[in-house]
Each structure stands twice: as structure tokens, then as C-alpha cells.
Amino acid sequence: MIREYATINRGTAHSFKTTVGKNCLIMTYVHIGHDCRIGNSVILSNVVQLAGHVTIEDKAILSGLSAVHQFTRVGRQSFIGGMSRVSKDIPPFLKAVGNPVKLYGLNTIGLQRGGMDDAAILELKRAYRLLFRSDLNVTQAIERCQSELEQLPEVLELIRFVEGSERGVVI
């Protein structure tokens, strides 16, 4: 559903397309810049502003008046609080808010509502603590995640997202 005064810009010569997935809610005054990729079941609340080349993965929720910098990725099932300025990648399954944006733990309620089992949520919490709340650098934290945690698909997705970030991830 696309509400009033939303703008969706077409792609440029870079990719020649802007895509919006199925079952999305794009509320009033949302701006989707050129060459953006919006996944399935994404919610963009009122006045969310996406610069060009932004990727929003499936089931992510961006609250009102948030702005996302160009070439930034927002991970699957993440939640961004209102009036946030997102200039780095937001890893999947996490909550973030602020100006500048900061991580505030796992999106536990969203994951439970989405049907994720408790074992996966527990391992994601452990991965979050190692990756973002320990004194380890990113390489050390990833090594510890790989050696100490159960290698569930969700944990591997979080690790791959962090490893593959070109802009860097929010802390």
C-alpha cells in the first residue's frame, strides 16, 4: 500500500531500477530515492526519507521522520526508532534509534511476532553481546561467535551482514 504524497524515484543508469517488494506499507510523505531496493513486508512510516541506493531487507520497520544515507543497508527484521539519522548499516534483527543512530539490543518483540523460535533468539542475543557490547574488535568478535555459538542460520546471517558491510555498522 502506498499512501498520499509518497515519492518513489525510478532507477538511474547505475542499475536502471528501483524495486519495492510485496506486502509493503509506504506511509504518507515517504521518499524512496533512485536505485533503492525495498524487500517484502517492509513498513516505512510517515516521512521516512531514503537517499539513493539504499537497501531495506525483508520485514524491516522504519519509524516516522527517519532518514537513511545513500548506499546504506538496513537488515532483515530490524527496527529503527523515530527521528533517527541512519548513516551506517543496521544489522538484521536489531533495534536502533537516535541522531546519530545507536543500537539498542535485539528486536525481540518483532522476532517473536515473526515466529522466530526462542533458541534462535537466545543465540542472536549472545551474538549481539559479542559483536556490539564486548571489548573485542570485529574480527575477534566474529571468531568468538563462530567458535562459541550454535551456527544457526540467523546467527550466520548476522555475522555475514557485519562482515560484508561496506559503510560499517552502527554500534
Protein backbone atom coordinates (compact mmCIF):
# COMPACT_ATOMS: atom_id res chain seq x y z
CA MET A 1 0.00 0.00 0.00
CA ILE A 2 1.35 3.40 -0.98
CA ARG A 3 -0.22 6.35 0.84
CA GLU A 4 -0.62 10.01 -0.10
CA TYR A 5 2.29 12.16 -1.27
CA ALA A 6 4.84 9.34 -1.27
CA THR A 7 7.53 9.57 -3.93
CA ILE A 8 9.34 6.63 -5.48
CA ASN A 9 12.13 7.57 -7.87
CA ARG A 10 13.00 5.41 -10.83
CA GLY A 11 16.43 3.90 -11.24
CA THR A 12 19.35 5.62 -12.92
CA ALA A 13 21.94 4.27 -15.34
CA HIS A 14 23.58 2.65 -12.32
CA SER A 15 21.01 -0.17 -12.03
CA PHE A 16 18.06 1.03 -14.14
CA LYS A 17 15.56 0.11 -11.45
CA THR A 18 14.12 0.88 -8.05
CA THR A 19 12.25 -2.07 -6.53
CA VAL A 20 9.60 -2.38 -3.83
CA GLY A 21 8.70 -5.87 -2.60
CA LYS A 22 5.34 -7.42 -1.83
CA ASN A 23 3.12 -6.58 1.13
CA CYS A 24 4.87 -3.29 1.98
CA LEU A 25 3.29 -0.28 3.68
CA ILE A 26 4.65 3.05 2.47
CA MET A 27 3.01 5.79 4.52
CA THR A 28 2.40 9.45 3.84
CA TYR A 29 5.29 11.65 2.61
CA VAL A 30 7.78 8.79 2.36
CA HIS A 31 10.57 9.40 -0.15
CA ILE A 32 12.31 6.46 -1.81
CA GLY A 33 15.36 7.62 -3.75
CA HIS A 34 16.67 6.25 -7.03
CA ASP A 35 18.07 2.71 -7.26
CA CYS A 36 16.67 1.67 -3.87
CA ARG A 37 15.77 -1.93 -3.12
CA ILE A 38 12.93 -2.45 -0.67
CA GLY A 39 12.26 -6.03 0.45
CA ASN A 40 8.97 -7.76 1.25
CA SER A 41 6.71 -6.80 4.18
CA VAL A 42 8.65 -3.59 4.92
CA ILE A 43 6.95 -0.74 6.80
CA LEU A 44 8.11 2.82 6.09
CA SER A 45 6.27 5.14 8.48
CA ASN A 46 5.32 8.76 7.79
CA VAL A 47 8.06 10.99 6.35
CA VAL A 48 10.78 8.32 6.16
CA GLN A 49 13.40 9.59 3.71
CA LEU A 50 15.62 7.15 1.80
CA ALA A 51 18.51 8.51 -0.27
CA GLY A 52 19.60 6.74 -3.44
CA HIS A 53 20.97 3.19 -3.47
CA VAL A 54 19.52 2.25 -0.06
CA THR A 55 18.67 -1.41 0.60
CA ILE A 56 15.95 -2.29 3.10
CA GLU A 57 15.69 -6.03 3.71
CA ASP A 58 12.51 -8.03 4.38
CA LYS A 59 10.27 -7.20 7.37
CA ALA A 60 12.26 -4.16 8.47
CA ILE A 61 10.35 -1.31 10.10
CA LEU A 62 11.46 2.33 9.90
CA SER A 63 9.60 4.71 12.19
CA GLY A 64 8.48 8.22 11.30
CA LEU A 65 10.81 11.07 10.36
CA SER A 66 13.82 8.77 9.95
CA ALA A 67 16.40 9.45 7.25
CA VAL A 68 18.74 6.91 5.65
CA HIS A 69 22.01 7.93 3.95
CA GLN A 70 22.83 6.75 0.43
CA PHE A 71 24.36 3.26 -0.04
CA THR A 72 23.20 2.18 3.42
CA ARG A 73 21.70 -1.24 4.17
CA VAL A 74 19.03 -1.99 6.77
CA GLY A 75 18.97 -5.66 7.75
CA ARG A 76 16.08 -8.09 7.85
CA GLN A 77 13.58 -7.74 10.71
CA SER A 78 15.37 -4.74 12.17
CA PHE A 79 13.54 -1.83 13.78
CA ILE A 80 14.58 1.82 13.53
CA GLY A 81 13.01 4.23 16.01
CA GLY A 82 11.51 7.58 15.05
CA MET A 83 13.57 10.61 14.07
CA SER A 84 16.72 8.56 13.55
CA ARG A 85 19.60 9.55 11.27
CA VAL A 86 21.00 6.37 9.74
CA SER A 87 24.41 6.85 8.14
CA LYS A 88 25.81 3.33 8.63
CA ASP A 89 24.40 -0.14 8.08
CA ILE A 90 21.87 -1.52 10.57
CA PRO A 91 22.44 -5.26 11.05
CA PRO A 92 19.49 -7.67 10.86
CA PHE A 93 17.31 -8.47 13.89
CA LEU A 94 18.36 -5.40 15.91
CA LYS A 95 16.78 -2.19 17.24
CA ALA A 96 18.36 1.18 16.56
CA VAL A 97 17.39 4.77 17.31
CA GLY A 98 18.85 8.24 17.61
CA ASN A 99 20.75 11.04 15.94
CA PRO A 100 23.30 9.67 15.34
CA VAL A 101 21.72 6.24 15.45
CA LYS A 102 22.84 3.69 18.07
CA LEU A 103 21.97 0.04 18.63
CA TYR A 104 19.62 -0.85 21.49
CA GLY A 105 19.62 -4.63 21.51
CA LEU A 106 17.73 -7.32 19.74
CA ASN A 107 14.31 -6.66 18.18
CA THR A 108 12.91 -9.39 20.43
CA ILE A 109 9.24 -8.45 20.14
CA GLY A 110 9.43 -8.24 16.34
CA LEU A 111 11.26 -11.57 16.14
CA GLN A 112 8.71 -13.28 18.40
CA ARG A 113 5.80 -11.82 16.41
CA GLY A 114 7.54 -13.01 13.24
CA GLY A 115 7.60 -16.59 14.55
CA MET A 116 11.30 -16.98 15.37
CA ASP A 117 11.89 -19.71 17.95
CA ASP A 118 13.32 -19.00 21.39
CA ALA A 119 16.58 -20.88 20.75
CA ALA A 120 17.41 -18.67 17.76
CA ILE A 121 16.56 -15.52 19.72
CA LEU A 122 18.82 -16.62 22.57
CA GLU A 123 21.76 -17.27 20.23
CA LEU A 124 21.19 -13.92 18.50
CA LYS A 125 21.32 -12.20 21.90
CA ARG A 126 24.64 -13.90 22.59
CA ALA A 127 25.95 -12.88 19.17
CA TYR A 128 24.79 -9.28 19.76
CA ARG A 129 26.69 -9.12 23.05
CA LEU A 130 29.88 -10.45 21.46
CA LEU A 131 29.69 -8.28 18.33
CA PHE A 132 28.47 -4.99 19.79
CA ARG A 133 28.80 -4.97 23.59
CA SER A 134 32.18 -6.57 24.26
CA ASP A 135 35.67 -5.11 24.23
CA LEU A 136 36.57 -7.28 21.23
CA ASN A 137 37.30 -5.85 17.80
CA VAL A 138 35.08 -7.03 14.93
CA THR A 139 37.44 -9.81 13.79
CA GLN A 140 37.82 -11.19 17.31
CA ALA A 141 34.07 -11.00 17.95
CA ILE A 142 33.27 -12.84 14.72
CA GLU A 143 35.80 -15.56 15.59
CA ARG A 144 34.24 -15.97 19.04
CA CYS A 145 30.74 -16.11 17.52
CA GLN A 146 31.88 -18.83 15.13
CA SER A 147 33.57 -20.89 17.85
CA GLU A 148 31.21 -20.39 20.82
CA LEU A 149 27.72 -20.08 19.36
CA GLU A 150 25.44 -22.57 17.70
CA GLN A 151 25.71 -21.88 13.98
CA LEU A 152 22.02 -21.25 13.34
CA PRO A 153 21.05 -19.63 10.02
CA GLU A 154 20.06 -16.40 11.80
CA VAL A 155 23.41 -16.15 13.60
CA LEU A 156 25.28 -16.79 10.35
CA GLU A 157 23.16 -14.13 8.61
CA LEU A 158 24.08 -11.58 11.29
CA ILE A 159 27.78 -12.45 11.03
CA ARG A 160 27.76 -12.30 7.20
CA PHE A 161 26.00 -8.92 7.30
CA VAL A 162 28.66 -7.45 9.61
CA GLU A 163 31.49 -8.95 7.57
CA GLY A 164 30.02 -7.69 4.29
CA SER A 165 29.30 -4.12 5.38
CA GLU A 166 30.97 -1.55 3.15
CA ARG A 167 29.83 1.55 5.11
CA GLY A 168 30.44 -0.01 8.51
CA VAL A 169 27.78 -1.00 11.00
CA VAL A 170 26.22 1.06 13.74
CA ILE A 171 27.47 0.30 17.24
